[in-house]
Amino acid sequence: MTAYSLKELVKEALEGGAFDIIYKSLDIKKIVGIIEKAKKDSLVLIVDDDHQTCETLKDILEKKNYKIAIAYNGEEATRIVEKNEIDIAIIDVKLPVLNGLETYLKIKNINPEITAIMITGYRQTTNELVKEVMEKSAYTCLYKPLDMDKLITMLNGITKGKEKGNFKKPKTEDE
């Protein structure tokens, strides 16, 4: 809450995990609306067969007030999406059994509103798969090692865009 318009400080607060900024004089209706939105924090599903990647992402994103679910393969991800209202899925392209594209298509079929951020550490060998998943309307593909600031900014943008009913799909890092 502030009575001043300090753009850099406001931006820093939002990037640091603040849910929203309210300017004084207080609008109680707006405050109640923000609290209601905050109760519905986005549920993010992390799908990666690398347990360490999952735990690291989980720890970082929970500090930013995201609720996290983890799946280590596509079948497990599908079961989680069937039982939960997932807003955003971070899916490794190279997964065992079902690859990232197959996983994305299955969960998108269950929840058409889900937004998927694909990730991969194999830029060269997964090029065609990344291209195909992007053609199937995945949000973007990021390459490992992940730039966490970029990922968090992207997640915040997706979440706010969904709240307002408008967000734009970026291109992959290669485009």
N, C-alpha and C. Protein backbone atom coordinates (compact mmCIF):
# COMPACT_ATOMS: atom_id res chain seq x y z
N MET A 1 0.85 -1.16 0.00
CA MET A 1 0.00 0.00 0.00
C MET A 1 0.90 1.23 0.00
N THR A 2 0.54 2.22 -0.78
CA THR A 2 1.34 3.43 -0.82
C THR A 2 0.47 4.62 -1.23
N ALA A 3 0.90 5.80 -0.80
CA ALA A 3 0.25 7.04 -1.22
C ALA A 3 1.08 7.70 -2.31
N TYR A 4 2.23 7.13 -2.61
CA TYR A 4 3.15 7.71 -3.59
C TYR A 4 3.23 6.83 -4.83
N SER A 5 3.59 7.44 -5.93
CA SER A 5 3.76 6.70 -7.17
C SER A 5 5.25 6.55 -7.45
N LEU A 6 5.87 5.56 -6.84
CA LEU A 6 7.29 5.29 -7.01
C LEU A 6 7.43 4.08 -7.92
N LYS A 7 7.48 4.33 -9.23
CA LYS A 7 7.42 3.25 -10.21
C LYS A 7 8.47 2.17 -9.98
N GLU A 8 9.72 2.56 -9.72
CA GLU A 8 10.78 1.57 -9.55
C GLU A 8 10.54 0.73 -8.30
N LEU A 9 10.11 1.37 -7.22
CA LEU A 9 9.85 0.65 -5.98
C LEU A 9 8.66 -0.29 -6.13
N VAL A 10 7.62 0.18 -6.81
CA VAL A 10 6.44 -0.66 -7.08
C VAL A 10 6.85 -1.87 -7.93
N LYS A 11 7.62 -1.62 -8.99
CA LYS A 11 8.09 -2.70 -9.86
C LYS A 11 8.92 -3.72 -9.07
N GLU A 12 9.81 -3.22 -8.21
CA GLU A 12 10.65 -4.10 -7.40
C GLU A 12 9.80 -4.94 -6.45
N ALA A 13 8.78 -4.33 -5.85
CA ALA A 13 7.90 -5.06 -4.93
C ALA A 13 7.16 -6.18 -5.67
N LEU A 14 6.64 -5.87 -6.87
CA LEU A 14 5.91 -6.88 -7.65
C LEU A 14 6.83 -8.01 -8.09
N GLU A 15 8.03 -7.66 -8.54
CA GLU A 15 8.99 -8.68 -8.96
C GLU A 15 9.47 -9.51 -7.77
N GLY A 16 9.46 -8.90 -6.59
CA GLY A 16 9.90 -9.61 -5.38
C GLY A 16 8.84 -10.50 -4.76
N GLY A 17 7.65 -10.52 -5.37
CA GLY A 17 6.63 -11.44 -4.90
C GLY A 17 5.37 -10.79 -4.36
N ALA A 18 5.32 -9.45 -4.32
CA ALA A 18 4.08 -8.79 -3.89
C ALA A 18 2.97 -9.17 -4.86
N PHE A 19 1.78 -9.41 -4.35
CA PHE A 19 0.68 -9.85 -5.19
C PHE A 19 0.12 -8.70 -6.00
N ASP A 20 0.01 -7.52 -5.40
CA ASP A 20 -0.54 -6.36 -6.08
C ASP A 20 -0.17 -5.12 -5.30
N ILE A 21 -0.39 -3.96 -5.87
CA ILE A 21 -0.13 -2.67 -5.22
C ILE A 21 -1.46 -1.94 -5.12
N ILE A 22 -1.71 -1.37 -3.96
CA ILE A 22 -2.91 -0.57 -3.76
C ILE A 22 -2.47 0.84 -3.43
N TYR A 23 -3.04 1.81 -4.12
CA TYR A 23 -2.73 3.21 -3.86
C TYR A 23 -3.78 3.80 -2.93
N LYS A 24 -3.33 4.62 -2.02
CA LYS A 24 -4.25 5.31 -1.10
C LYS A 24 -4.92 6.43 -1.87
N SER A 25 -6.09 6.85 -1.62
CA SER A 25 -6.98 6.46 -0.57
C SER A 25 -7.54 5.08 -0.87
N LEU A 26 -7.82 4.36 0.19
CA LEU A 26 -8.15 2.95 0.07
C LEU A 26 -9.54 2.71 -0.53
N ASP A 27 -9.57 1.75 -1.44
CA ASP A 27 -10.81 1.29 -2.04
C ASP A 27 -11.05 -0.11 -1.47
N ILE A 28 -11.91 -0.19 -0.47
CA ILE A 28 -12.16 -1.44 0.25
C ILE A 28 -12.60 -2.55 -0.69
N LYS A 29 -13.45 -2.23 -1.65
CA LYS A 29 -13.92 -3.23 -2.61
C LYS A 29 -12.75 -3.83 -3.39
N LYS A 30 -11.82 -2.96 -3.79
CA LYS A 30 -10.64 -3.42 -4.53
C LYS A 30 -9.76 -4.31 -3.63
N ILE A 31 -9.61 -3.91 -2.38
CA ILE A 31 -8.79 -4.70 -1.45
C ILE A 31 -9.39 -6.09 -1.27
N VAL A 32 -10.69 -6.17 -1.09
CA VAL A 32 -11.35 -7.47 -0.94
C VAL A 32 -11.15 -8.31 -2.21
N GLY A 33 -11.26 -7.68 -3.38
CA GLY A 33 -11.04 -8.39 -4.64
C GLY A 33 -9.63 -8.95 -4.75
N ILE A 34 -8.65 -8.16 -4.34
CA ILE A 34 -7.26 -8.61 -4.39
C ILE A 34 -7.04 -9.77 -3.42
N ILE A 35 -7.64 -9.68 -2.25
CA ILE A 35 -7.51 -10.78 -1.28
C ILE A 35 -8.13 -12.05 -1.84
N GLU A 36 -9.28 -11.92 -2.49
CA GLU A 36 -9.92 -13.10 -3.09
C GLU A 36 -9.02 -13.71 -4.17
N LYS A 37 -8.41 -12.86 -5.00
CA LYS A 37 -7.49 -13.36 -6.04
C LYS A 37 -6.30 -14.05 -5.40
N ALA A 38 -5.78 -13.46 -4.34
CA ALA A 38 -4.60 -14.01 -3.68
C ALA A 38 -4.89 -15.40 -3.12
N LYS A 39 -6.12 -15.62 -2.68
CA LYS A 39 -6.49 -16.94 -2.18
C LYS A 39 -6.43 -17.99 -3.28
N LYS A 40 -6.60 -17.55 -4.52
CA LYS A 40 -6.61 -18.46 -5.66
C LYS A 40 -5.27 -18.44 -6.38
N ASP A 41 -4.16 -18.37 -5.63
CA ASP A 41 -2.86 -18.36 -6.27
C ASP A 41 -2.78 -19.46 -7.32
N SER A 42 -2.07 -19.18 -8.38
CA SER A 42 -1.94 -20.14 -9.47
C SER A 42 -1.28 -21.43 -9.00
N LEU A 43 -1.82 -22.53 -9.49
CA LEU A 43 -1.22 -23.83 -9.23
C LEU A 43 -0.35 -24.19 -10.44
N VAL A 44 0.92 -24.38 -10.17
CA VAL A 44 1.90 -24.67 -11.22
C VAL A 44 2.32 -26.13 -11.10
N LEU A 45 2.25 -26.84 -12.21
CA LEU A 45 2.70 -28.23 -12.27
C LEU A 45 4.07 -28.26 -12.93
N ILE A 46 5.03 -28.85 -12.23
CA ILE A 46 6.38 -29.03 -12.77
C ILE A 46 6.50 -30.49 -13.19
N VAL A 47 6.83 -30.71 -14.47
CA VAL A 47 6.95 -32.08 -14.99
C VAL A 47 8.37 -32.25 -15.53
N ASP A 48 9.18 -33.00 -14.79
CA ASP A 48 10.57 -33.24 -15.20
C ASP A 48 11.03 -34.51 -14.52
N ASP A 49 11.74 -35.36 -15.24
CA ASP A 49 12.23 -36.60 -14.65
C ASP A 49 13.45 -36.38 -13.77
N ASP A 50 14.01 -35.18 -13.78
CA ASP A 50 15.15 -34.84 -12.93
C ASP A 50 14.59 -34.31 -11.59
N HIS A 51 14.71 -35.12 -10.56
CA HIS A 51 14.15 -34.77 -9.24
C HIS A 51 14.76 -33.48 -8.70
N GLN A 52 16.04 -33.28 -8.94
CA GLN A 52 16.71 -32.08 -8.42
C GLN A 52 16.15 -30.82 -9.09
N THR A 53 15.90 -30.88 -10.39
CA THR A 53 15.30 -29.74 -11.10
C THR A 53 13.93 -29.43 -10.51
N CYS A 54 13.14 -30.45 -10.28
CA CYS A 54 11.80 -30.26 -9.71
C CYS A 54 11.87 -29.61 -8.34
N GLU A 55 12.73 -30.10 -7.48
CA GLU A 55 12.83 -29.57 -6.12
C GLU A 55 13.35 -28.14 -6.12
N THR A 56 14.32 -27.85 -6.98
CA THR A 56 14.86 -26.49 -7.06
C THR A 56 13.78 -25.52 -7.52
N LEU A 57 13.08 -25.87 -8.60
CA LEU A 57 11.99 -25.01 -9.09
C LEU A 57 10.91 -24.85 -8.03
N LYS A 58 10.56 -25.94 -7.37
CA LYS A 58 9.54 -25.90 -6.32
C LYS A 58 9.94 -24.92 -5.23
N ASP A 59 11.16 -25.03 -4.73
CA ASP A 59 11.63 -24.15 -3.65
C ASP A 59 11.58 -22.68 -4.07
N ILE A 60 12.05 -22.39 -5.26
CA ILE A 60 12.09 -21.00 -5.73
C ILE A 60 10.68 -20.46 -5.94
N LEU A 61 9.82 -21.24 -6.59
CA LEU A 61 8.49 -20.75 -6.92
C LEU A 61 7.58 -20.66 -5.70
N GLU A 62 7.76 -21.54 -4.73
CA GLU A 62 6.97 -21.43 -3.51
C GLU A 62 7.30 -20.14 -2.76
N LYS A 63 8.54 -19.71 -2.82
CA LYS A 63 8.92 -18.44 -2.19
C LYS A 63 8.24 -17.25 -2.88
N LYS A 64 7.80 -17.46 -4.12
CA LYS A 64 7.10 -16.41 -4.87
C LYS A 64 5.59 -16.61 -4.79
N ASN A 65 5.15 -17.42 -3.84
CA ASN A 65 3.72 -17.65 -3.55
C ASN A 65 2.98 -18.50 -4.58
N TYR A 66 3.70 -19.27 -5.36
CA TYR A 66 3.04 -20.21 -6.26
C TYR A 66 2.82 -21.52 -5.53
N LYS A 67 1.67 -22.12 -5.76
CA LYS A 67 1.40 -23.46 -5.24
C LYS A 67 1.95 -24.43 -6.29
N ILE A 68 2.64 -25.44 -5.84
CA ILE A 68 3.37 -26.33 -6.75
C ILE A 68 2.91 -27.78 -6.62
N ALA A 69 2.78 -28.41 -7.77
CA ALA A 69 2.60 -29.85 -7.85
C ALA A 69 3.76 -30.36 -8.72
N ILE A 70 4.20 -31.58 -8.44
CA ILE A 70 5.33 -32.14 -9.17
C ILE A 70 4.95 -33.50 -9.75
N ALA A 71 5.37 -33.71 -10.99
CA ALA A 71 5.24 -35.02 -11.64
C ALA A 71 6.59 -35.34 -12.28
N TYR A 72 6.99 -36.59 -12.21
CA TYR A 72 8.28 -36.99 -12.77
C TYR A 72 8.17 -37.65 -14.13
N ASN A 73 6.93 -37.78 -14.63
CA ASN A 73 6.73 -38.31 -15.98
C ASN A 73 5.35 -37.86 -16.48
N GLY A 74 5.09 -38.10 -17.75
CA GLY A 74 3.85 -37.65 -18.37
C GLY A 74 2.60 -38.30 -17.82
N GLU A 75 2.69 -39.58 -17.49
CA GLU A 75 1.52 -40.28 -16.96
C GLU A 75 1.12 -39.71 -15.60
N GLU A 76 2.11 -39.46 -14.77
CA GLU A 76 1.85 -38.87 -13.46
C GLU A 76 1.27 -37.45 -13.63
N ALA A 77 1.80 -36.69 -14.58
CA ALA A 77 1.29 -35.34 -14.85
C ALA A 77 -0.17 -35.39 -15.26
N THR A 78 -0.52 -36.34 -16.11
CA THR A 78 -1.90 -36.50 -16.57
C THR A 78 -2.83 -36.76 -15.39
N ARG A 79 -2.42 -37.63 -14.49
CA ARG A 79 -3.25 -37.93 -13.30
C ARG A 79 -3.44 -36.69 -12.43
N ILE A 80 -2.39 -35.91 -12.27
CA ILE A 80 -2.48 -34.70 -11.45
C ILE A 80 -3.43 -33.69 -12.08
N VAL A 81 -3.34 -33.52 -13.40
CA VAL A 81 -4.21 -32.56 -14.10
C VAL A 81 -5.67 -33.02 -14.05
N GLU A 82 -5.90 -34.32 -14.08
CA GLU A 82 -7.27 -34.84 -13.97
C GLU A 82 -7.91 -34.50 -12.62
N LYS A 83 -7.09 -34.39 -11.57
CA LYS A 83 -7.61 -34.20 -10.21
C LYS A 83 -7.48 -32.77 -9.69
N ASN A 84 -6.77 -31.91 -10.40
CA ASN A 84 -6.50 -30.56 -9.91
C ASN A 84 -6.70 -29.54 -11.01
N GLU A 85 -6.99 -28.33 -10.60
CA GLU A 85 -7.13 -27.23 -11.55
C GLU A 85 -5.77 -26.55 -11.72
N ILE A 86 -5.00 -27.07 -12.66
CA ILE A 86 -3.66 -26.55 -12.90
C ILE A 86 -3.76 -25.36 -13.84
N ASP A 87 -3.08 -24.27 -13.49
CA ASP A 87 -3.08 -23.07 -14.32
C ASP A 87 -1.93 -23.08 -15.33
N ILE A 88 -0.76 -23.48 -14.84
CA ILE A 88 0.45 -23.42 -15.65
C ILE A 88 1.22 -24.72 -15.46
N ALA A 89 1.73 -25.27 -16.56
CA ALA A 89 2.57 -26.46 -16.48
C ALA A 89 3.94 -26.12 -17.06
N ILE A 90 4.97 -26.48 -16.34
CA ILE A 90 6.35 -26.35 -16.81
C ILE A 90 6.77 -27.78 -17.15
N ILE A 91 6.95 -28.06 -18.43
CA ILE A 91 7.13 -29.44 -18.88
C ILE A 91 8.47 -29.62 -19.59
N ASP A 92 9.26 -30.57 -19.12
CA ASP A 92 10.51 -30.92 -19.79
C ASP A 92 10.16 -31.59 -21.11
N VAL A 93 10.84 -31.23 -22.16
CA VAL A 93 10.57 -31.80 -23.48
C VAL A 93 10.99 -33.26 -23.54
N LYS A 94 12.11 -33.58 -22.89
CA LYS A 94 12.65 -34.93 -22.96
C LYS A 94 12.28 -35.70 -21.69
N LEU A 95 11.17 -36.41 -21.77
CA LEU A 95 10.67 -37.20 -20.65
C LEU A 95 10.64 -38.68 -21.05
N PRO A 96 10.74 -39.58 -20.07
CA PRO A 96 10.60 -41.01 -20.39
C PRO A 96 9.13 -41.36 -20.64
N VAL A 97 8.89 -42.41 -21.33
CA VAL A 97 7.57 -42.96 -21.67
C VAL A 97 6.81 -42.01 -22.59
N LEU A 98 6.19 -40.97 -22.04
CA LEU A 98 5.54 -39.94 -22.85
C LEU A 98 6.51 -38.76 -22.92
N ASN A 99 6.86 -38.31 -24.13
CA ASN A 99 7.74 -37.15 -24.21
C ASN A 99 6.96 -35.88 -23.85
N GLY A 100 7.62 -34.74 -23.83
CA GLY A 100 6.98 -33.49 -23.45
C GLY A 100 5.81 -33.11 -24.33
N LEU A 101 5.91 -33.35 -25.63
CA LEU A 101 4.81 -33.04 -26.55
C LEU A 101 3.59 -33.91 -26.23
N GLU A 102 3.82 -35.21 -26.10
CA GLU A 102 2.70 -36.12 -25.79
C GLU A 102 2.07 -35.77 -24.45
N THR A 103 2.90 -35.44 -23.47
CA THR A 103 2.39 -35.04 -22.16
C THR A 103 1.55 -33.78 -22.29
N TYR A 104 2.08 -32.79 -23.00
CA TYR A 104 1.36 -31.52 -23.19
C TYR A 104 0.01 -31.75 -23.86
N LEU A 105 -0.01 -32.53 -24.91
CA LEU A 105 -1.26 -32.77 -25.63
C LEU A 105 -2.30 -33.48 -24.74
N LYS A 106 -1.85 -34.42 -23.92
CA LYS A 106 -2.78 -35.13 -23.03
C LYS A 106 -3.36 -34.18 -21.98
N ILE A 107 -2.50 -33.37 -21.37
CA ILE A 107 -3.01 -32.49 -20.32
C ILE A 107 -3.82 -31.33 -20.91
N LYS A 108 -3.48 -30.90 -22.11
CA LYS A 108 -4.24 -29.83 -22.78
C LYS A 108 -5.64 -30.35 -23.15
N ASN A 109 -5.73 -31.62 -23.46
CA ASN A 109 -7.02 -32.24 -23.75
C ASN A 109 -7.90 -32.28 -22.49
N ILE A 110 -7.29 -32.49 -21.34
CA ILE A 110 -8.01 -32.53 -20.07
C ILE A 110 -8.39 -31.12 -19.64
N ASN A 111 -7.44 -30.18 -19.76
CA ASN A 111 -7.66 -28.81 -19.34
C ASN A 111 -7.22 -27.86 -20.46
N PRO A 112 -8.13 -27.48 -21.35
CA PRO A 112 -7.78 -26.61 -22.47
C PRO A 112 -7.26 -25.23 -22.06
N GLU A 113 -7.52 -24.82 -20.83
CA GLU A 113 -7.09 -23.49 -20.35
C GLU A 113 -5.67 -23.49 -19.80
N ILE A 114 -5.05 -24.64 -19.69
CA ILE A 114 -3.71 -24.71 -19.12
C ILE A 114 -2.71 -24.01 -20.04
N THR A 115 -1.74 -23.36 -19.44
CA THR A 115 -0.67 -22.72 -20.19
C THR A 115 0.60 -23.52 -19.93
N ALA A 116 1.29 -23.91 -21.00
CA ALA A 116 2.49 -24.74 -20.85
C ALA A 116 3.75 -23.98 -21.25
N ILE A 117 4.72 -24.04 -20.37
CA ILE A 117 6.07 -23.56 -20.66
C ILE A 117 6.93 -24.80 -20.78
N MET A 118 7.46 -25.01 -21.96
CA MET A 118 8.32 -26.17 -22.19
C MET A 118 9.75 -25.80 -21.81
N ILE A 119 10.49 -26.78 -21.30
CA ILE A 119 11.90 -26.56 -20.96
C ILE A 119 12.72 -27.74 -21.48
N THR A 120 13.96 -27.46 -21.80
CA THR A 120 14.84 -28.55 -22.24
C THR A 120 16.30 -28.16 -22.05
N GLY A 121 17.10 -29.15 -21.80
CA GLY A 121 18.55 -28.97 -21.73
C GLY A 121 19.21 -29.50 -22.99
N TYR A 122 18.40 -29.96 -23.92
CA TYR A 122 18.92 -30.58 -25.15
C TYR A 122 18.47 -29.78 -26.36
N ARG A 123 18.98 -28.60 -26.49
CA ARG A 123 18.58 -27.68 -27.55
C ARG A 123 18.71 -28.31 -28.93
N GLN A 124 19.81 -28.97 -29.21
CA GLN A 124 20.06 -29.51 -30.55
C GLN A 124 19.20 -30.74 -30.85
N THR A 125 19.16 -31.67 -29.92
CA THR A 125 18.49 -32.94 -30.21
C THR A 125 16.97 -32.87 -30.08
N THR A 126 16.45 -31.84 -29.47
CA THR A 126 14.99 -31.73 -29.31
C THR A 126 14.39 -30.63 -30.19
N ASN A 127 15.17 -30.09 -31.10
CA ASN A 127 14.72 -28.98 -31.96
C ASN A 127 13.38 -29.25 -32.65
N GLU A 128 13.26 -30.40 -33.27
CA GLU A 128 12.03 -30.73 -34.01
C GLU A 128 10.84 -30.88 -33.06
N LEU A 129 11.08 -31.51 -31.92
CA LEU A 129 10.03 -31.69 -30.93
C LEU A 129 9.57 -30.33 -30.38
N VAL A 130 10.52 -29.45 -30.11
CA VAL A 130 10.20 -28.11 -29.63
C VAL A 130 9.37 -27.37 -30.68
N LYS A 131 9.79 -27.45 -31.92
CA LYS A 131 9.05 -26.79 -33.00
C LYS A 131 7.61 -27.31 -33.06
N GLU A 132 7.45 -28.61 -32.95
CA GLU A 132 6.12 -29.22 -33.02
C GLU A 132 5.24 -28.81 -31.84
N VAL A 133 5.82 -28.82 -30.63
CA VAL A 133 5.02 -28.45 -29.46
C VAL A 133 4.63 -26.97 -29.51
N MET A 134 5.48 -26.13 -30.07
CA MET A 134 5.14 -24.72 -30.21
C MET A 134 4.01 -24.54 -31.23
N GLU A 135 4.02 -25.35 -32.27
CA GLU A 135 2.92 -25.30 -33.26
C GLU A 135 1.60 -25.75 -32.64
N LYS A 136 1.66 -26.53 -31.58
CA LYS A 136 0.46 -27.02 -30.89
C LYS A 136 0.03 -26.06 -29.77
N SER A 137 0.57 -24.87 -29.77
CA SER A 137 0.20 -23.74 -28.91
C SER A 137 0.75 -23.76 -27.50
N ALA A 138 1.90 -24.38 -27.29
CA ALA A 138 2.57 -24.19 -26.01
C ALA A 138 2.96 -22.72 -25.91
N TYR A 139 3.11 -22.21 -24.71
CA TYR A 139 3.37 -20.79 -24.50
C TYR A 139 4.75 -20.39 -25.00
N THR A 140 5.77 -21.14 -24.59
CA THR A 140 7.13 -20.89 -25.03
C THR A 140 8.01 -22.08 -24.64
N CYS A 141 9.26 -22.03 -25.06
CA CYS A 141 10.23 -23.04 -24.65
C CYS A 141 11.46 -22.31 -24.12
N LEU A 142 11.87 -22.67 -22.92
CA LEU A 142 13.06 -22.11 -22.30
C LEU A 142 14.13 -23.19 -22.24
N TYR A 143 15.37 -22.75 -22.30
CA TYR A 143 16.47 -23.71 -22.32
C TYR A 143 17.24 -23.70 -21.00
N LYS A 144 17.61 -24.90 -20.58
CA LYS A 144 18.39 -25.05 -19.35
C LYS A 144 19.84 -24.69 -19.63
N PRO A 145 20.54 -24.13 -18.68
CA PRO A 145 20.08 -23.78 -17.34
C PRO A 145 19.08 -22.62 -17.43
N LEU A 146 18.02 -22.74 -16.65
CA LEU A 146 16.95 -21.76 -16.70
C LEU A 146 17.36 -20.44 -16.07
N ASP A 147 16.96 -19.36 -16.71
CA ASP A 147 17.12 -18.02 -16.15
C ASP A 147 15.90 -17.83 -15.24
N MET A 148 16.09 -17.96 -13.94
CA MET A 148 14.97 -17.95 -13.00
C MET A 148 14.24 -16.61 -12.99
N ASP A 149 14.96 -15.52 -13.13
CA ASP A 149 14.29 -14.21 -13.18
C ASP A 149 13.35 -14.14 -14.38
N LYS A 150 13.81 -14.64 -15.51
CA LYS A 150 12.99 -14.65 -16.71
C LYS A 150 11.76 -15.54 -16.52
N LEU A 151 11.95 -16.72 -15.93
CA LEU A 151 10.84 -17.64 -15.69
C LEU A 151 9.81 -17.03 -14.75
N ILE A 152 10.26 -16.43 -13.67
CA ILE A 152 9.34 -15.83 -12.70
C ILE A 152 8.59 -14.66 -13.32
N THR A 153 9.29 -13.82 -14.07
CA THR A 153 8.62 -12.72 -14.77
C THR A 153 7.56 -13.25 -15.72
N MET A 154 7.89 -14.33 -16.42
CA MET A 154 6.95 -14.95 -17.35
C MET A 154 5.74 -15.51 -16.61
N LEU A 155 5.97 -16.22 -15.51
CA LEU A 155 4.87 -16.78 -14.72
C LEU A 155 3.96 -15.67 -14.20
N ASN A 156 4.56 -14.60 -13.70
CA ASN A 156 3.77 -13.47 -13.21
C ASN A 156 2.93 -12.86 -14.34
N GLY A 157 3.53 -12.74 -15.52
CA GLY A 157 2.81 -12.19 -16.67
C GLY A 157 1.65 -13.08 -17.09
N ILE A 158 1.88 -14.38 -17.11
CA ILE A 158 0.81 -15.32 -17.48
C ILE A 158 -0.32 -15.23 -16.47
N THR A 159 0.03 -15.25 -15.19
CA THR A 159 -0.98 -15.20 -14.14
C THR A 159 -1.81 -13.93 -14.23
N LYS A 160 -1.14 -12.80 -14.35
CA LYS A 160 -1.87 -11.52 -14.45
C LYS A 160 -2.67 -11.44 -15.73
N GLY A 161 -2.12 -11.95 -16.83
CA GLY A 161 -2.85 -11.95 -18.10
C GLY A 161 -4.10 -12.79 -18.03
N LYS A 162 -4.01 -13.94 -17.37
CA LYS A 162 -5.20 -14.80 -17.22
C LYS A 162 -6.25 -14.12 -16.36
N GLU A 163 -5.81 -13.42 -15.31
CA GLU A 163 -6.76 -12.70 -14.46
C GLU A 163 -7.51 -11.65 -15.25
N LYS A 164 -6.79 -10.97 -16.15
CA LYS A 164 -7.41 -9.90 -16.93
C LYS A 164 -8.03 -10.41 -18.22
N GLY A 165 -7.79 -11.69 -18.53
CA GLY A 165 -8.37 -12.27 -19.74
C GLY A 165 -7.58 -11.99 -21.00
N ASN A 166 -6.32 -11.55 -20.86
CA ASN A 166 -5.50 -11.30 -22.05
C ASN A 166 -4.02 -11.49 -21.74
N PHE A 167 -3.39 -12.34 -22.47
CA PHE A 167 -1.95 -12.43 -22.42
C PHE A 167 -1.47 -12.92 -23.77
N LYS A 168 -0.26 -12.47 -24.11
CA LYS A 168 0.29 -12.81 -25.43
C LYS A 168 1.31 -13.92 -25.30
N LYS A 169 1.32 -14.77 -26.28
CA LYS A 169 2.24 -15.88 -26.34
C LYS A 169 3.57 -15.39 -26.94
N PRO A 170 4.68 -15.55 -26.20
CA PRO A 170 5.96 -15.16 -26.78
C PRO A 170 6.50 -16.24 -27.70
N LYS A 171 7.59 -15.95 -28.33
CA LYS A 171 8.26 -16.94 -29.17
C LYS A 171 9.26 -17.70 -28.31
N THR A 172 9.83 -18.76 -28.87
CA THR A 172 10.87 -19.49 -28.16
C THR A 172 12.12 -18.62 -28.11
N GLU A 173 13.07 -19.00 -27.28
CA GLU A 173 14.31 -18.25 -27.17
C GLU A 173 15.07 -18.24 -28.48
N ASP A 174 14.84 -19.22 -29.34
CA ASP A 174 15.54 -19.31 -30.62
C ASP A 174 14.94 -18.40 -31.69
N GLU A 175 13.67 -18.01 -31.53
CA GLU A 175 12.99 -17.25 -32.58
C GLU A 175 13.29 -15.76 -32.48
